[in-house]
Amino acid sequence: MDHLWASVFGILGNIVSFLVFLAPMPTFLRVYRKKSTEGFSSVPYVVALFSCTLWILYALVKTNSSPLLTINAFGCVVEAAYILLYLLYAPRQARLRTLSSFLLLNVAAFSLIVAVTVAGVAPPHRVRVLGSICLAFSMAVFVAPMSVILVVIKTKSAEYMPFSLSFFLTLSAVAWFFYGLFTHDLYVTLPNVGGFFFGCIQMTLYFIYRKPNPSADGVMILPTTTATAAATIDGAAVVSAPASSAVAQMAAVLPATAVAVMPASALPVLAELHKMEQEIGTPRKGAIKTV
């Protein structure tokens, strides 16, 4: 019976995570059409790729973990495609930062983990060691939603935290929690308790603060990954402004928070970044001001 329910929740987790992995697709199609990254940060996708490779390694060492293996293999392909497209159209400085992050995290750090695990850990203990590393990494990224929650409370606006994505991230946490429970895998179960907890908080905050604070003169405030920026989007002027006020604090948090907390599949998008990308993809009439 445990095996049956583990399969059910593993499949459900794969389906939900598959959809969330594809959430940034409209943004990158836009990047391709515009031949510009428009100020987006590559950090979430580099971190997501690292998380995927960690969980693939864990699944391979543990064996009999097909759901973990399949979704993270798919995640690796998707994240690699995102990063390659970003490198193709990003400015030189952003491209160098992305390459540095990739080499540091996905090459150096991952190679070190593989070397230590294979050469320094006896086979019977490898699952525990890798599981502990994955667990620690998943717990570390809980700083992201905590920061977002604090900013939403401070700004009293859930403008960059749409309910739909928060719901699917919570659903993903539930699916992977029960998968870990029925497979008796503590390293998958524990982080998703936190994922469910923060997802519920985000959805609650959405209903409390779902009416966005109107900006001056009816101009939409759009956070970017830098303090100032200037570009043109579909013929609408994108005017730069100093990164000040509470909304600017949201912009400062975005690059650090756009990383998933779901350990079984490194979902690369948090609600704030996804909302920002949606707004850029479908700009309203009139001027758009960035901070």
C-alpha atoms as a PDB file:
ATOM      1  CA  MET A   1       0.000   0.000   0.000  1.00  0.00           C
ATOM      2  CA  ASP A   2       2.831   2.378   0.830  1.00  0.00           C
ATOM      3  CA  HIS A   3       4.348   1.695  -2.579  1.00  0.00           C
ATOM      4  CA  LEU A   4       1.062   2.499  -4.354  1.00  0.00           C
ATOM      5  CA  TRP A   5       0.597   5.826  -2.562  1.00  0.00           C
ATOM      6  CA  ALA A   6       4.249   6.705  -3.070  1.00  0.00           C
ATOM      7  CA  SER A   7       3.754   6.232  -6.814  1.00  0.00           C
ATOM      8  CA  VAL A   8       0.575   8.337  -6.800  1.00  0.00           C
ATOM      9  CA  PHE A   9       2.177  11.257  -4.988  1.00  0.00           C
ATOM     10  CA  GLY A  10       5.385  10.912  -6.986  1.00  0.00           C
ATOM     11  CA  ILE A  11       3.407  11.265 -10.221  1.00  0.00           C
ATOM     12  CA  LEU A  12       1.417  14.191  -8.801  1.00  0.00           C
ATOM     13  CA  GLY A  13       4.627  15.886  -7.713  1.00  0.00           C
ATOM     14  CA  ASN A  14       6.087  15.395 -11.176  1.00  0.00           C
ATOM     15  CA  ILE A  15       3.038  16.908 -12.866  1.00  0.00           C
ATOM     16  CA  VAL A  16       2.871  20.001 -10.649  1.00  0.00           C
ATOM     17  CA  SER A  17       6.639  20.544 -10.706  1.00  0.00           C
ATOM     18  CA  PHE A  18       6.659  20.091 -14.486  1.00  0.00           C
ATOM     19  CA  LEU A  19       4.163  22.932 -14.843  1.00  0.00           C
ATOM     20  CA  VAL A  20       6.052  25.249 -12.500  1.00  0.00           C
ATOM     21  CA  PHE A  21       9.358  24.532 -14.254  1.00  0.00           C
ATOM     22  CA  LEU A  22       7.728  25.852 -17.422  1.00  0.00           C
ATOM     23  CA  ALA A  23       6.358  28.981 -15.721  1.00  0.00           C
ATOM     24  CA  PRO A  24       9.220  31.246 -16.959  1.00  0.00           C
ATOM     25  CA  MET A  25       8.754  30.068 -20.561  1.00  0.00           C
ATOM     26  CA  PRO A  26       6.791  33.176 -21.696  1.00  0.00           C
ATOM     27  CA  THR A  27       9.516  35.383 -20.252  1.00  0.00           C
ATOM     28  CA  PHE A  28      12.296  33.614 -22.132  1.00  0.00           C
ATOM     29  CA  LEU A  29      10.268  33.595 -25.333  1.00  0.00           C
ATOM     30  CA  ARG A  30      10.082  37.342 -24.874  1.00  0.00           C
ATOM     31  CA  VAL A  31      13.831  37.502 -24.253  1.00  0.00           C
ATOM     32  CA  TYR A  32      14.332  35.633 -27.519  1.00  0.00           C
ATOM     33  CA  ARG A  33      12.026  37.976 -29.436  1.00  0.00           C
ATOM     34  CA  LYS A  34      13.494  41.134 -27.924  1.00  0.00           C
ATOM     35  CA  LYS A  35      17.082  39.857 -27.979  1.00  0.00           C
ATOM     36  CA  SER A  36      17.459  41.298 -24.476  1.00  0.00           C
ATOM     37  CA  THR A  37      17.239  39.979 -20.890  1.00  0.00           C
ATOM     38  CA  GLU A  38      15.686  43.322 -19.811  1.00  0.00           C
ATOM     39  CA  GLY A  39      17.343  43.401 -16.407  1.00  0.00           C
ATOM     40  CA  PHE A  40      16.359  39.936 -15.196  1.00  0.00           C
ATOM     41  CA  SER A  41      18.666  38.066 -12.829  1.00  0.00           C
ATOM     42  CA  SER A  42      20.059  34.651 -13.750  1.00  0.00           C
ATOM     43  CA  VAL A  43      20.687  33.661 -10.125  1.00  0.00           C
ATOM     44  CA  PRO A  44      17.392  31.770  -9.644  1.00  0.00           C
ATOM     45  CA  TYR A  45      18.067  29.542 -12.634  1.00  0.00           C
ATOM     46  CA  VAL A  46      21.694  28.823 -11.701  1.00  0.00           C
ATOM     47  CA  VAL A  47      20.641  27.866  -8.178  1.00  0.00           C
ATOM     48  CA  ALA A  48      17.755  25.767  -9.493  1.00  0.00           C
ATOM     49  CA  LEU A  49      20.127  23.873 -11.798  1.00  0.00           C
ATOM     50  CA  PHE A  50      22.456  23.179  -8.866  1.00  0.00           C
ATOM     51  CA  SER A  51      19.561  21.900  -6.768  1.00  0.00           C
ATOM     52  CA  CYS A  52      18.402  19.632  -9.603  1.00  0.00           C
ATOM     53  CA  THR A  53      21.855  18.100  -9.990  1.00  0.00           C
ATOM     54  CA  LEU A  54      22.082  17.522  -6.230  1.00  0.00           C
ATOM     55  CA  TRP A  55      18.789  15.649  -6.152  1.00  0.00           C
ATOM     56  CA  ILE A  56      19.701  13.618  -9.234  1.00  0.00           C
ATOM     57  CA  LEU A  57      22.895  12.536  -7.491  1.00  0.00           C
ATOM     58  CA  TYR A  58      20.913  11.678  -4.377  1.00  0.00           C
ATOM     59  CA  ALA A  59      18.347   9.685  -6.386  1.00  0.00           C
ATOM     60  CA  LEU A  60      21.079   7.761  -8.217  1.00  0.00           C
ATOM     61  CA  VAL A  61      22.878   6.844  -5.006  1.00  0.00           C
ATOM     62  CA  LYS A  62      19.691   5.917  -3.190  1.00  0.00           C
ATOM     63  CA  THR A  63      18.223   3.996  -6.179  1.00  0.00           C
ATOM     64  CA  ASN A  64      14.498   3.220  -6.538  1.00  0.00           C
ATOM     65  CA  SER A  65      13.718   6.956  -6.669  1.00  0.00           C
ATOM     66  CA  SER A  66      12.334   7.307 -10.184  1.00  0.00           C
ATOM     67  CA  PRO A  67      10.030  10.298  -9.464  1.00  0.00           C
ATOM     68  CA  LEU A  68      12.940  12.291  -8.055  1.00  0.00           C
ATOM     69  CA  LEU A  69      15.142  11.315 -10.964  1.00  0.00           C
ATOM     70  CA  THR A  70      12.675  12.092 -13.748  1.00  0.00           C
ATOM     71  CA  ILE A  71      11.523  15.528 -12.585  1.00  0.00           C
ATOM     72  CA  ASN A  72      15.013  16.736 -11.743  1.00  0.00           C
ATOM     73  CA  ALA A  73      16.407  15.448 -15.041  1.00  0.00           C
ATOM     74  CA  PHE A  74      13.693  17.454 -16.775  1.00  0.00           C
ATOM     75  CA  GLY A  75      14.531  20.392 -14.523  1.00  0.00           C
ATOM     76  CA  CYS A  76      18.196  20.223 -15.517  1.00  0.00           C
ATOM     77  CA  VAL A  77      17.311  20.404 -19.206  1.00  0.00           C
ATOM     78  CA  VAL A  78      14.903  23.304 -18.717  1.00  0.00           C
ATOM     79  CA  GLU A  79      17.198  25.290 -16.424  1.00  0.00           C
ATOM     80  CA  ALA A  80      20.181  24.736 -18.730  1.00  0.00           C
ATOM     81  CA  ALA A  81      18.102  26.027 -21.641  1.00  0.00           C
ATOM     82  CA  TYR A  82      17.091  29.112 -19.641  1.00  0.00           C
ATOM     83  CA  ILE A  83      20.704  29.820 -18.688  1.00  0.00           C
ATOM     84  CA  LEU A  84      21.977  29.358 -22.238  1.00  0.00           C
ATOM     85  CA  LEU A  85      19.347  31.740 -23.575  1.00  0.00           C
ATOM     86  CA  TYR A  86      20.204  34.222 -20.845  1.00  0.00           C
ATOM     87  CA  LEU A  87      23.916  34.047 -21.714  1.00  0.00           C
ATOM     88  CA  LEU A  88      23.100  34.578 -25.363  1.00  0.00           C
ATOM     89  CA  TYR A  89      21.233  37.843 -24.868  1.00  0.00           C
ATOM     90  CA  ALA A  90      22.519  39.242 -21.558  1.00  0.00           C
ATOM     91  CA  PRO A  91      24.870  42.252 -21.405  1.00  0.00           C
ATOM     92  CA  ARG A  92      28.553  41.443 -21.003  1.00  0.00           C
ATOM     93  CA  GLN A  93      28.648  42.206 -17.267  1.00  0.00           C
ATOM     94  CA  ALA A  94      25.578  40.100 -16.516  1.00  0.00           C
ATOM     95  CA  ARG A  95      26.968  37.313 -18.689  1.00  0.00           C
ATOM     96  CA  LEU A  96      30.229  37.269 -16.725  1.00  0.00           C
ATOM     97  CA  ARG A  97      28.327  37.194 -13.409  1.00  0.00           C
ATOM     98  CA  THR A  98      26.236  34.294 -14.650  1.00  0.00           C
ATOM     99  CA  LEU A  99      29.268  32.328 -15.820  1.00  0.00           C
ATOM    100  CA  SER A 100      31.020  32.968 -12.506  1.00  0.00           C
ATOM    101  CA  SER A 101      28.007  31.770 -10.539  1.00  0.00           C
ATOM    102  CA  PHE A 102      27.640  28.723 -12.752  1.00  0.00           C
ATOM    103  CA  LEU A 103      31.302  27.734 -12.462  1.00  0.00           C
ATOM    104  CA  LEU A 104      31.361  28.294  -8.716  1.00  0.00           C
ATOM    105  CA  LEU A 105      28.144  26.486  -7.881  1.00  0.00           C
ATOM    106  CA  ASN A 106      27.415  23.991 -10.635  1.00  0.00           C
ATOM    107  CA  VAL A 107      30.994  23.017 -11.468  1.00  0.00           C
ATOM    108  CA  ALA A 108      33.250  23.598  -8.472  1.00  0.00           C
ATOM    109  CA  ALA A 109      30.805  22.998  -5.609  1.00  0.00           C
ATOM    110  CA  PHE A 110      29.068  20.062  -7.282  1.00  0.00           C
ATOM    111  CA  SER A 111      32.381  18.434  -8.254  1.00  0.00           C
ATOM    112  CA  LEU A 112      33.596  18.794  -4.677  1.00  0.00           C
ATOM    113  CA  ILE A 113      30.432  17.147  -3.344  1.00  0.00           C
ATOM    114  CA  VAL A 114      30.774  14.266  -5.808  1.00  0.00           C
ATOM    115  CA  ALA A 115      34.478  13.787  -5.013  1.00  0.00           C
ATOM    116  CA  VAL A 116      33.951  13.834  -1.249  1.00  0.00           C
ATOM    117  CA  THR A 117      30.951  11.515  -1.453  1.00  0.00           C
ATOM    118  CA  VAL A 118      32.607   8.972  -3.734  1.00  0.00           C
ATOM    119  CA  ALA A 119      36.146   9.048  -2.323  1.00  0.00           C
ATOM    120  CA  GLY A 120      35.598   9.945   1.304  1.00  0.00           C
ATOM    121  CA  VAL A 121      32.331   8.276   2.297  1.00  0.00           C
ATOM    122  CA  ALA A 122      31.702   4.557   2.567  1.00  0.00           C
ATOM    123  CA  PRO A 123      28.841   3.278   0.344  1.00  0.00           C
ATOM    124  CA  PRO A 124      26.492   2.482   3.265  1.00  0.00           C
ATOM    125  CA  HIS A 125      26.678   6.103   4.435  1.00  0.00           C
ATOM    126  CA  ARG A 126      26.461   7.914   1.099  1.00  0.00           C
ATOM    127  CA  VAL A 127      22.674   8.253   1.095  1.00  0.00           C
ATOM    128  CA  ARG A 128      22.738   9.822   4.542  1.00  0.00           C
ATOM    129  CA  VAL A 129      25.518  12.249   3.637  1.00  0.00           C
ATOM    130  CA  LEU A 130      23.957  13.329   0.335  1.00  0.00           C
ATOM    131  CA  GLY A 131      20.527  13.526   1.918  1.00  0.00           C
ATOM    132  CA  SER A 132      21.912  15.777   4.643  1.00  0.00           C
ATOM    133  CA  ILE A 133      23.513  18.058   2.034  1.00  0.00           C
ATOM    134  CA  CYS A 134      20.250  18.289   0.080  1.00  0.00           C
ATOM    135  CA  LEU A 135      18.316  18.904   3.286  1.00  0.00           C
ATOM    136  CA  ALA A 136      20.712  21.650   4.401  1.00  0.00           C
ATOM    137  CA  PHE A 137      20.530  23.346   0.983  1.00  0.00           C
ATOM    138  CA  SER A 138      16.731  23.208   0.981  1.00  0.00           C
ATOM    139  CA  MET A 139      16.565  24.656   4.484  1.00  0.00           C
ATOM    140  CA  ALA A 140      18.998  27.423   3.526  1.00  0.00           C
ATOM    141  CA  VAL A 141      16.740  28.744   0.779  1.00  0.00           C
ATOM    142  CA  PHE A 142      13.899  29.182   3.267  1.00  0.00           C
ATOM    143  CA  VAL A 143      15.460  32.613   3.818  1.00  0.00           C
ATOM    144  CA  ALA A 144      13.907  33.560   0.471  1.00  0.00           C
ATOM    145  CA  PRO A 145      10.189  33.237   1.298  1.00  0.00           C
ATOM    146  CA  MET A 146      10.795  34.662   4.764  1.00  0.00           C
ATOM    147  CA  SER A 147      12.240  37.819   3.188  1.00  0.00           C
ATOM    148  CA  VAL A 148       9.337  38.070   0.770  1.00  0.00           C
ATOM    149  CA  ILE A 149       6.772  37.646   3.540  1.00  0.00           C
ATOM    150  CA  LEU A 150       8.364  40.453   5.542  1.00  0.00           C
ATOM    151  CA  VAL A 151       8.381  42.771   2.522  1.00  0.00           C
ATOM    152  CA  VAL A 152       4.736  41.983   1.686  1.00  0.00           C
ATOM    153  CA  ILE A 153       3.737  42.798   5.269  1.00  0.00           C
ATOM    154  CA  LYS A 154       5.768  46.000   5.248  1.00  0.00           C
ATOM    155  CA  THR A 155       4.445  47.215   1.889  1.00  0.00           C
ATOM    156  CA  LYS A 156       0.923  45.922   2.636  1.00  0.00           C
ATOM    157  CA  SER A 157       0.699  44.767  -0.959  1.00  0.00           C
ATOM    158  CA  ALA A 158       0.627  41.317  -2.558  1.00  0.00           C
ATOM    159  CA  GLU A 159       1.094  42.755  -6.044  1.00  0.00           C
ATOM    160  CA  TYR A 160       4.097  40.535  -6.715  1.00  0.00           C
ATOM    161  CA  MET A 161       2.701  37.434  -5.010  1.00  0.00           C
ATOM    162  CA  PRO A 162      -0.104  36.049  -7.217  1.00  0.00           C
ATOM    163  CA  PHE A 163      -2.276  33.395  -5.622  1.00  0.00           C
ATOM    164  CA  SER A 164      -2.055  30.869  -8.453  1.00  0.00           C
ATOM    165  CA  LEU A 165       1.683  30.283  -8.252  1.00  0.00           C
ATOM    166  CA  SER A 166       1.677  30.233  -4.449  1.00  0.00           C
ATOM    167  CA  PHE A 167      -1.068  27.609  -4.636  1.00  0.00           C
ATOM    168  CA  PHE A 168       0.847  25.368  -7.027  1.00  0.00           C
ATOM    169  CA  LEU A 169       4.057  25.688  -5.019  1.00  0.00           C
ATOM    170  CA  THR A 170       2.096  24.641  -1.924  1.00  0.00           C
ATOM    171  CA  LEU A 171       0.503  21.765  -3.811  1.00  0.00           C
ATOM    172  CA  SER A 172       3.959  20.660  -4.915  1.00  0.00           C
ATOM    173  CA  ALA A 173       5.152  20.714  -1.298  1.00  0.00           C
ATOM    174  CA  VAL A 174       2.175  18.576  -0.243  1.00  0.00           C
ATOM    175  CA  ALA A 175       2.801  16.033  -3.028  1.00  0.00           C
ATOM    176  CA  TRP A 176       6.514  15.665  -2.262  1.00  0.00           C
ATOM    177  CA  PHE A 177       5.873  15.576   1.484  1.00  0.00           C
ATOM    178  CA  PHE A 178       3.608  12.559   1.111  1.00  0.00           C
ATOM    179  CA  TYR A 179       5.984  10.976  -1.389  1.00  0.00           C
ATOM    180  CA  GLY A 180       8.753  11.229   1.195  1.00  0.00           C
ATOM    181  CA  LEU A 181       6.407   9.988   3.909  1.00  0.00           C
ATOM    182  CA  PHE A 182       5.325   6.871   2.021  1.00  0.00           C
ATOM    183  CA  THR A 183       8.880   6.103   0.892  1.00  0.00           C
ATOM    184  CA  HIS A 184      10.166   6.704   4.433  1.00  0.00           C
ATOM    185  CA  ASP A 185      12.559   9.344   3.106  1.00  0.00           C
ATOM    186  CA  LEU A 186      13.149  11.942   5.804  1.00  0.00           C
ATOM    187  CA  TYR A 187      15.331  14.081   3.525  1.00  0.00           C
ATOM    188  CA  VAL A 188      12.405  14.688   1.178  1.00  0.00           C
ATOM    189  CA  THR A 189       9.718  14.916   3.853  1.00  0.00           C
ATOM    190  CA  LEU A 190      11.222  17.485   6.220  1.00  0.00           C
ATOM    191  CA  PRO A 191      11.931  20.401   3.830  1.00  0.00           C
ATOM    192  CA  ASN A 192       8.443  20.180   2.379  1.00  0.00           C
ATOM    193  CA  VAL A 193       6.936  20.770   5.803  1.00  0.00           C
ATOM    194  CA  GLY A 194       8.549  24.187   5.577  1.00  0.00           C
ATOM    195  CA  GLY A 195       7.456  24.525   1.944  1.00  0.00           C
ATOM    196  CA  PHE A 196       3.831  23.881   2.903  1.00  0.00           C
ATOM    197  CA  PHE A 197       4.054  26.244   5.883  1.00  0.00           C
ATOM    198  CA  PHE A 198       5.452  29.158   3.880  1.00  0.00           C
ATOM    199  CA  GLY A 199       3.070  28.464   0.999  1.00  0.00           C
ATOM    200  CA  CYS A 200       0.076  28.717   3.333  1.00  0.00           C
ATOM    201  CA  ILE A 201       1.429  31.954   4.776  1.00  0.00           C
ATOM    202  CA  GLN A 202       1.881  33.414   1.284  1.00  0.00           C
ATOM    203  CA  MET A 203      -1.672  32.496   0.272  1.00  0.00           C
ATOM    204  CA  THR A 204      -3.030  33.973   3.500  1.00  0.00           C
ATOM    205  CA  LEU A 205      -1.093  37.190   2.925  1.00  0.00           C
ATOM    206  CA  TYR A 206      -2.416  37.325  -0.613  1.00  0.00           C
ATOM    207  CA  PHE A 207      -6.000  37.478   0.643  1.00  0.00           C
ATOM    208  CA  ILE A 208      -5.077  40.058   3.267  1.00  0.00           C
ATOM    209  CA  TYR A 209      -3.061  42.348   0.968  1.00  0.00           C
ATOM    210  CA  ARG A 210      -4.305  41.373  -2.484  1.00  0.00           C
ATOM    211  CA  LYS A 211      -5.229  44.924  -3.453  1.00  0.00           C
ATOM    212  CA  PRO A 212      -1.955  46.481  -4.697  1.00  0.00           C
ATOM    213  CA  ASN A 213      -0.995  49.906  -3.470  1.00  0.00           C
ATOM    214  CA  PRO A 214      -1.735  52.373  -6.295  1.00  0.00           C
ATOM    215  CA  SER A 215       1.328  54.264  -7.450  1.00  0.00           C
ATOM    216  CA  ALA A 216       1.478  57.963  -8.081  1.00  0.00           C
ATOM    217  CA  ASP A 217      -0.362  59.248 -11.158  1.00  0.00           C
ATOM    218  CA  GLY A 218      -1.582  55.745 -11.952  1.00  0.00           C
ATOM    219  CA  VAL A 219       1.868  54.668 -13.103  1.00  0.00           C
ATOM    220  CA  MET A 220       2.649  51.041 -12.421  1.00  0.00           C
ATOM    221  CA  ILE A 221       5.702  50.392 -10.271  1.00  0.00           C
ATOM    222  CA  LEU A 222       7.766  47.558 -11.663  1.00  0.00           C
ATOM    223  CA  PRO A 223      10.784  46.229  -9.760  1.00  0.00           C
ATOM    224  CA  THR A 224      13.903  45.243 -11.619  1.00  0.00           C
ATOM    225  CA  THR A 225      17.115  43.516 -10.603  1.00  0.00           C
ATOM    226  CA  THR A 226      19.040  46.769 -10.567  1.00  0.00           C
ATOM    227  CA  ALA A 227      18.576  50.111  -8.892  1.00  0.00           C
ATOM    228  CA  THR A 228      18.161  51.948 -12.190  1.00  0.00           C
ATOM    229  CA  ALA A 229      17.330  50.818 -15.697  1.00  0.00           C
ATOM    230  CA  ALA A 230      16.110  52.136 -19.027  1.00  0.00           C
ATOM    231  CA  ALA A 231      14.562  50.260 -21.908  1.00  0.00           C
ATOM    232  CA  THR A 232      11.612  50.177 -24.273  1.00  0.00           C
ATOM    233  CA  ILE A 233       8.945  47.502 -24.073  1.00  0.00           C
ATOM    234  CA  ASP A 234       6.421  47.109 -26.887  1.00  0.00           C
ATOM    235  CA  GLY A 235       6.717  50.801 -27.628  1.00  0.00           C
ATOM    236  CA  ALA A 236       6.015  51.855 -24.032  1.00  0.00           C
ATOM    237  CA  ALA A 237       8.640  53.865 -22.250  1.00  0.00           C
ATOM    238  CA  VAL A 238      10.309  52.186 -19.292  1.00  0.00           C
ATOM    239  CA  VAL A 239      11.598  54.971 -17.107  1.00  0.00           C
ATOM    240  CA  SER A 240      14.275  54.393 -14.498  1.00  0.00           C
ATOM    241  CA  ALA A 241      13.976  55.675 -10.943  1.00  0.00           C
ATOM    242  CA  PRO A 242      16.163  55.467  -7.846  1.00  0.00           C
ATOM    243  CA  ALA A 243      15.668  52.362  -5.755  1.00  0.00           C
ATOM    244  CA  SER A 244      13.944  53.936  -2.788  1.00  0.00           C
ATOM    245  CA  SER A 245      10.774  53.434  -0.746  1.00  0.00           C
ATOM    246  CA  ALA A 246       9.188  50.167   0.336  1.00  0.00           C
ATOM    247  CA  VAL A 247       8.613  48.998  -3.244  1.00  0.00           C
ATOM    248  CA  ALA A 248      12.315  49.367  -3.938  1.00  0.00           C
ATOM    249  CA  GLN A 249      12.933  47.028  -1.040  1.00  0.00           C
ATOM    250  CA  MET A 250      10.847  44.440  -2.865  1.00  0.00           C
ATOM    251  CA  ALA A 251      13.095  44.904  -5.898  1.00  0.00           C
ATOM    252  CA  ALA A 252      16.160  44.388  -3.731  1.00  0.00           C
ATOM    253  CA  VAL A 253      14.755  41.134  -2.406  1.00  0.00           C
ATOM    254  CA  LEU A 254      13.753  39.697  -5.763  1.00  0.00           C
ATOM    255  CA  PRO A 255      17.076  38.338  -7.032  1.00  0.00           C
ATOM    256  CA  ALA A 256      17.775  36.600  -3.750  1.00  0.00           C
ATOM    257  CA  THR A 257      14.282  35.184  -3.336  1.00  0.00           C
ATOM    258  CA  ALA A 258      13.510  33.856  -6.779  1.00  0.00           C
ATOM    259  CA  VAL A 259      14.491  30.349  -5.908  1.00  0.00           C
ATOM    260  CA  ALA A 260      12.311  27.481  -4.927  1.00  0.00           C
ATOM    261  CA  VAL A 261      12.226  25.786  -1.579  1.00  0.00           C
ATOM    262  CA  MET A 262      10.868  22.474  -2.834  1.00  0.00           C
ATOM    263  CA  PRO A 263      13.668  19.934  -2.389  1.00  0.00           C
ATOM    264  CA  ALA A 264      12.421  17.274  -4.756  1.00  0.00           C
ATOM    265  CA  SER A 265      12.278  19.616  -7.709  1.00  0.00           C
ATOM    266  CA  ALA A 266      14.120  22.895  -7.700  1.00  0.00           C
ATOM    267  CA  LEU A 267      11.303  25.155  -8.803  1.00  0.00           C
ATOM    268  CA  PRO A 268      12.976  28.249 -10.156  1.00  0.00           C
ATOM    269  CA  VAL A 269      10.281  30.835  -9.675  1.00  0.00           C
ATOM    270  CA  LEU A 270       8.734  32.465  -6.653  1.00  0.00           C
ATOM    271  CA  ALA A 271       5.552  34.409  -7.006  1.00  0.00           C
ATOM    272  CA  GLU A 272       7.116  37.853  -6.990  1.00  0.00           C
ATOM    273  CA  LEU A 273       9.458  37.243  -9.912  1.00  0.00           C
ATOM    274  CA  HIS A 274       6.776  35.459 -11.896  1.00  0.00           C
ATOM    275  CA  LYS A 275       4.390  38.371 -11.406  1.00  0.00           C
ATOM    276  CA  MET A 276       7.102  40.800 -12.452  1.00  0.00           C
ATOM    277  CA  GLU A 277       7.753  38.779 -15.594  1.00  0.00           C
ATOM    278  CA  GLN A 278       4.043  38.643 -16.396  1.00  0.00           C
ATOM    279  CA  GLU A 279       3.757  42.396 -16.063  1.00  0.00           C
ATOM    280  CA  ILE A 280       6.697  42.928 -18.413  1.00  0.00           C
ATOM    281  CA  GLY A 281       5.286  40.446 -20.879  1.00  0.00           C
ATOM    282  CA  THR A 282       1.888  42.181 -20.973  1.00  0.00           C
ATOM    283  CA  PRO A 283       2.516  45.861 -20.189  1.00  0.00           C
ATOM    284  CA  ARG A 284      -0.433  48.079 -19.473  1.00  0.00           C
ATOM    285  CA  LYS A 285      -1.175  51.119 -21.555  1.00  0.00           C
ATOM    286  CA  GLY A 286       0.811  54.161 -20.673  1.00  0.00           C
ATOM    287  CA  ALA A 287       4.131  54.555 -18.978  1.00  0.00           C
ATOM    288  CA  ILE A 288       5.710  51.988 -16.756  1.00  0.00           C
ATOM    289  CA  LYS A 289       8.072  53.096 -14.093  1.00  0.00           C
ATOM    290  CA  THR A 290      10.749  50.817 -12.715  1.00  0.00           C
ATOM    291  CA  VAL A 291      12.495  51.142  -9.423  1.00  0.00           C
END
